[in-house]
Amino acid sequence: MSQANKKGEVDGRRARSERSKQAIIDASLALMEEGVLIPTAQMISDRAGVGIRSFFRHFEDMETLFSTIDEQNREQTEALFLGGDRDGTLEERILHAIERYTEGYEKERNRILSTSAQLWRWEILRKNYARYQRGLRKDLDDWLPELKQLEKEQREAVDAVASFEMWHRLRYHQGLSKRAAVAVVVGMLNAVLSD
């Protein structure tokens, strides 16, 4: 076999390997999107159309998969929450911030729930979740510099009110529409910040 043929064969295997690795990542995300909050390696392999051995050739364990998914999607996920019009009165900025977070929470809902459901099990998920929480807190400080003037208890209340957990409760446990949930959160934040 010529060098060119060997190189072509190796390149072909590498390309197939990359396709199956990406299929596993895509299958994981698709299952989470559909509400399978704790997908197993077998479920993911079946969905990706690869064997379970192939799964474990690419990913040592589920934690490695979660790490890879986070690395691949971090920039896109963070972009959902960052940005937006940060000018205007305090009331306008509160509204704009919560509307921005609303869109991120709605889009990432099942991935956040999946992460929450598995925090007890995987260190990488605990680290990633903590990083995102720190990022949201820092971002809210950027939206609302007035937060720096609050007492510690009030500042913690702001983070609780603006959190995904509060959002999820209002939307899915209390059955509020997006608009009504935004109004509740904005009202609470205005109350804390106008004291």
Protein backbone atom coordinates (compact mmCIF):
# COMPACT_ATOMS: atom_id res chain seq x y z
CA MET A 1 0.00 0.00 0.00
CA SER A 2 1.39 3.42 -0.93
CA GLN A 3 2.05 6.18 1.61
CA ALA A 4 -0.78 8.23 0.08
CA ASN A 5 -3.25 5.35 0.51
CA LYS A 6 -2.15 4.76 4.11
CA LYS A 7 -2.50 8.46 4.89
CA GLY A 8 -5.96 8.53 3.26
CA GLU A 9 -7.02 5.50 5.31
CA VAL A 10 -5.79 7.08 8.57
CA ASP A 11 -7.49 10.38 7.69
CA GLY A 12 -10.72 8.52 6.92
CA ARG A 13 -10.64 6.68 10.26
CA ARG A 14 -9.93 9.92 12.09
CA ALA A 15 -12.85 11.66 10.35
CA ARG A 16 -15.21 8.76 11.20
CA SER A 17 -13.99 8.85 14.79
CA GLU A 18 -14.66 12.61 15.04
CA ARG A 19 -18.13 12.13 13.52
CA SER A 20 -19.03 9.43 16.04
CA LYS A 21 -17.68 11.57 18.92
CA GLN A 22 -19.80 14.52 17.77
CA ALA A 23 -22.82 12.22 17.31
CA ILE A 24 -22.47 11.18 20.98
CA ILE A 25 -22.34 14.83 22.10
CA ASP A 26 -25.32 15.74 19.90
CA ALA A 27 -27.30 12.72 21.17
CA SER A 28 -26.63 13.73 24.79
CA LEU A 29 -27.88 17.25 24.18
CA ALA A 30 -30.91 16.03 22.24
CA LEU A 31 -31.93 13.67 25.04
CA MET A 32 -31.61 16.44 27.62
CA GLU A 33 -33.63 18.80 25.40
CA GLU A 34 -36.37 16.18 25.25
CA GLY A 35 -36.48 16.00 29.05
CA VAL A 36 -34.30 12.94 29.70
CA LEU A 37 -32.48 14.65 32.54
CA ILE A 38 -30.17 11.77 33.45
CA PRO A 39 -29.32 10.00 30.19
CA THR A 40 -27.18 6.88 30.49
CA ALA A 41 -24.21 6.00 28.30
CA GLN A 42 -26.31 3.23 26.71
CA MET A 43 -29.20 5.60 25.93
CA ILE A 44 -26.78 8.10 24.41
CA SER A 45 -25.00 5.42 22.36
CA ASP A 46 -28.29 4.09 21.04
CA ARG A 47 -29.45 7.59 20.10
CA ALA A 48 -26.09 8.38 18.43
CA GLY A 49 -26.15 5.13 16.48
CA VAL A 50 -22.81 3.95 17.90
CA GLY A 51 -21.87 1.00 20.09
CA ILE A 52 -21.34 1.39 23.80
CA ARG A 53 -17.65 0.53 23.32
CA SER A 54 -17.36 3.43 20.93
CA PHE A 55 -18.85 5.70 23.59
CA PHE A 56 -16.18 4.68 26.08
CA ARG A 57 -13.40 4.95 23.49
CA HIS A 58 -14.27 8.62 23.14
CA PHE A 59 -15.26 9.37 26.73
CA GLU A 60 -13.69 7.69 29.73
CA ASP A 61 -16.90 8.22 31.72
CA MET A 62 -19.94 10.48 31.87
CA GLU A 63 -17.93 13.19 33.62
CA THR A 64 -15.57 13.39 30.63
CA LEU A 65 -18.58 13.74 28.33
CA PHE A 66 -20.05 16.55 30.45
CA SER A 67 -16.70 18.35 30.45
CA THR A 68 -16.46 18.11 26.66
CA ILE A 69 -20.04 19.35 26.21
CA ASP A 70 -19.34 22.33 28.46
CA GLU A 71 -16.11 23.22 26.62
CA GLN A 72 -17.87 22.98 23.26
CA ASN A 73 -20.96 25.00 24.27
CA ARG A 74 -19.72 27.40 26.96
CA GLU A 75 -19.34 30.45 24.73
CA GLN A 76 -22.76 29.97 23.16
CA THR A 77 -24.41 29.40 26.56
CA GLU A 78 -22.79 32.44 28.16
CA ALA A 79 -23.80 34.59 25.16
CA LEU A 80 -27.47 33.91 25.98
CA PHE A 81 -27.07 35.81 29.25
CA LEU A 82 -24.47 38.44 28.42
CA GLY A 83 -24.99 41.56 26.34
CA GLY A 84 -28.20 43.48 26.00
CA ASP A 85 -29.07 47.16 26.42
CA ARG A 86 -27.58 48.18 29.75
CA ASP A 87 -28.54 51.85 29.59
CA GLY A 88 -31.54 53.53 31.16
CA THR A 89 -33.07 54.05 34.56
CA LEU A 90 -32.71 51.49 37.32
CA GLU A 91 -36.23 50.17 36.59
CA GLU A 92 -35.45 49.84 32.86
CA ARG A 93 -32.17 48.04 33.51
CA ILE A 94 -33.83 45.63 35.95
CA LEU A 95 -36.46 44.84 33.32
CA HIS A 96 -33.89 44.39 30.53
CA ALA A 97 -31.68 42.16 32.69
CA ILE A 98 -34.57 39.91 33.69
CA GLU A 99 -35.85 39.72 30.12
CA ARG A 100 -32.35 38.67 29.00
CA TYR A 101 -32.08 36.04 31.75
CA THR A 102 -35.59 34.84 30.91
CA GLU A 103 -34.55 34.00 27.37
CA GLY A 104 -31.47 32.13 28.61
CA TYR A 105 -33.41 30.22 31.27
CA GLU A 106 -36.11 29.26 28.80
CA LYS A 107 -33.60 28.02 26.21
CA GLU A 108 -31.34 26.19 28.68
CA ARG A 109 -34.07 24.92 31.04
CA ASN A 110 -33.59 21.18 30.54
CA ARG A 111 -29.80 21.38 30.53
CA ILE A 112 -29.89 23.32 33.80
CA LEU A 113 -32.34 20.79 35.28
CA SER A 114 -30.14 17.93 34.07
CA THR A 115 -27.11 19.50 35.70
CA SER A 116 -29.02 20.09 38.95
CA ALA A 117 -30.26 16.50 39.00
CA GLN A 118 -26.69 15.20 38.76
CA LEU A 119 -24.73 17.68 40.91
CA TRP A 120 -24.47 15.11 43.71
CA ARG A 121 -22.70 12.68 41.42
CA TRP A 122 -20.19 14.56 39.25
CA GLU A 123 -17.51 17.00 40.41
CA ILE A 124 -17.24 18.58 36.95
CA LEU A 125 -20.93 19.53 37.04
CA ARG A 126 -20.53 21.10 40.51
CA LYS A 127 -17.53 23.12 39.26
CA ASN A 128 -19.26 24.21 36.06
CA TYR A 129 -22.48 25.11 37.87
CA ALA A 130 -20.56 27.19 40.42
CA ARG A 131 -18.69 28.96 37.60
CA TYR A 132 -21.95 29.85 35.85
CA GLN A 133 -23.44 31.11 39.14
CA ARG A 134 -20.42 33.35 39.74
CA GLY A 135 -20.69 34.60 36.16
CA LEU A 136 -24.38 35.46 36.53
CA ARG A 137 -23.72 37.29 39.80
CA LYS A 138 -20.91 39.30 38.21
CA ASP A 139 -23.08 40.02 35.17
CA LEU A 140 -25.94 41.25 37.36
CA ASP A 141 -23.47 43.61 39.07
CA ASP A 142 -22.67 44.97 35.62
CA TRP A 143 -26.36 45.47 34.81
CA LEU A 144 -27.06 47.02 38.21
CA PRO A 145 -24.06 48.77 39.83
CA GLU A 146 -26.51 49.85 42.57
CA LEU A 147 -26.20 46.34 44.00
CA LYS A 148 -22.84 47.28 45.52
CA GLN A 149 -24.65 49.58 47.97
CA LEU A 150 -26.86 46.82 49.39
CA GLU A 151 -26.42 45.08 52.72
CA LYS A 152 -25.19 41.48 52.39
CA GLU A 153 -28.65 39.98 53.10
CA GLN A 154 -30.30 42.17 50.46
CA ARG A 155 -27.61 41.28 47.90
CA GLU A 156 -28.16 37.58 48.54
CA ALA A 157 -31.91 38.11 48.16
CA VAL A 158 -31.31 39.67 44.74
CA ASP A 159 -29.37 36.60 43.57
CA ALA A 160 -32.11 34.30 44.85
CA VAL A 161 -34.84 36.30 43.12
CA ALA A 162 -32.93 36.48 39.80
CA SER A 163 -31.98 32.78 39.88
CA PHE A 164 -33.05 29.98 37.58
CA GLU A 165 -34.58 28.22 40.60
CA MET A 166 -36.96 31.14 41.21
CA TRP A 167 -37.71 31.34 37.51
CA HIS A 168 -38.43 27.61 37.29
CA ARG A 169 -40.71 27.76 40.32
CA LEU A 170 -42.74 30.63 38.88
CA ARG A 171 -43.00 29.15 35.39
CA TYR A 172 -43.40 25.44 36.02
CA HIS A 173 -44.59 24.99 39.59
CA GLN A 174 -46.84 28.04 39.83
CA GLY A 175 -47.82 27.96 36.16
CA LEU A 176 -47.13 31.62 35.36
CA SER A 177 -46.67 32.84 31.81
CA LYS A 178 -43.30 34.30 30.81
CA ARG A 179 -44.71 37.80 31.02
CA ALA A 180 -46.24 37.23 34.47
CA ALA A 181 -43.02 35.62 35.78
CA VAL A 182 -40.98 38.57 34.51
CA ALA A 183 -43.39 40.96 36.26
CA VAL A 184 -43.04 39.07 39.57
CA VAL A 185 -39.23 39.00 39.46
CA VAL A 186 -38.95 42.62 38.34
CA GLY A 187 -41.38 43.69 41.07
CA MET A 188 -39.37 41.91 43.76
CA LEU A 189 -36.09 43.37 42.54
CA ASN A 190 -37.55 46.87 42.39
CA ALA A 191 -38.78 46.43 45.96
CA VAL A 192 -35.33 45.36 47.20
CA LEU A 193 -33.45 48.05 45.30
CA SER A 194 -35.80 50.93 46.07
CA ASP A 195 -35.56 50.52 49.88
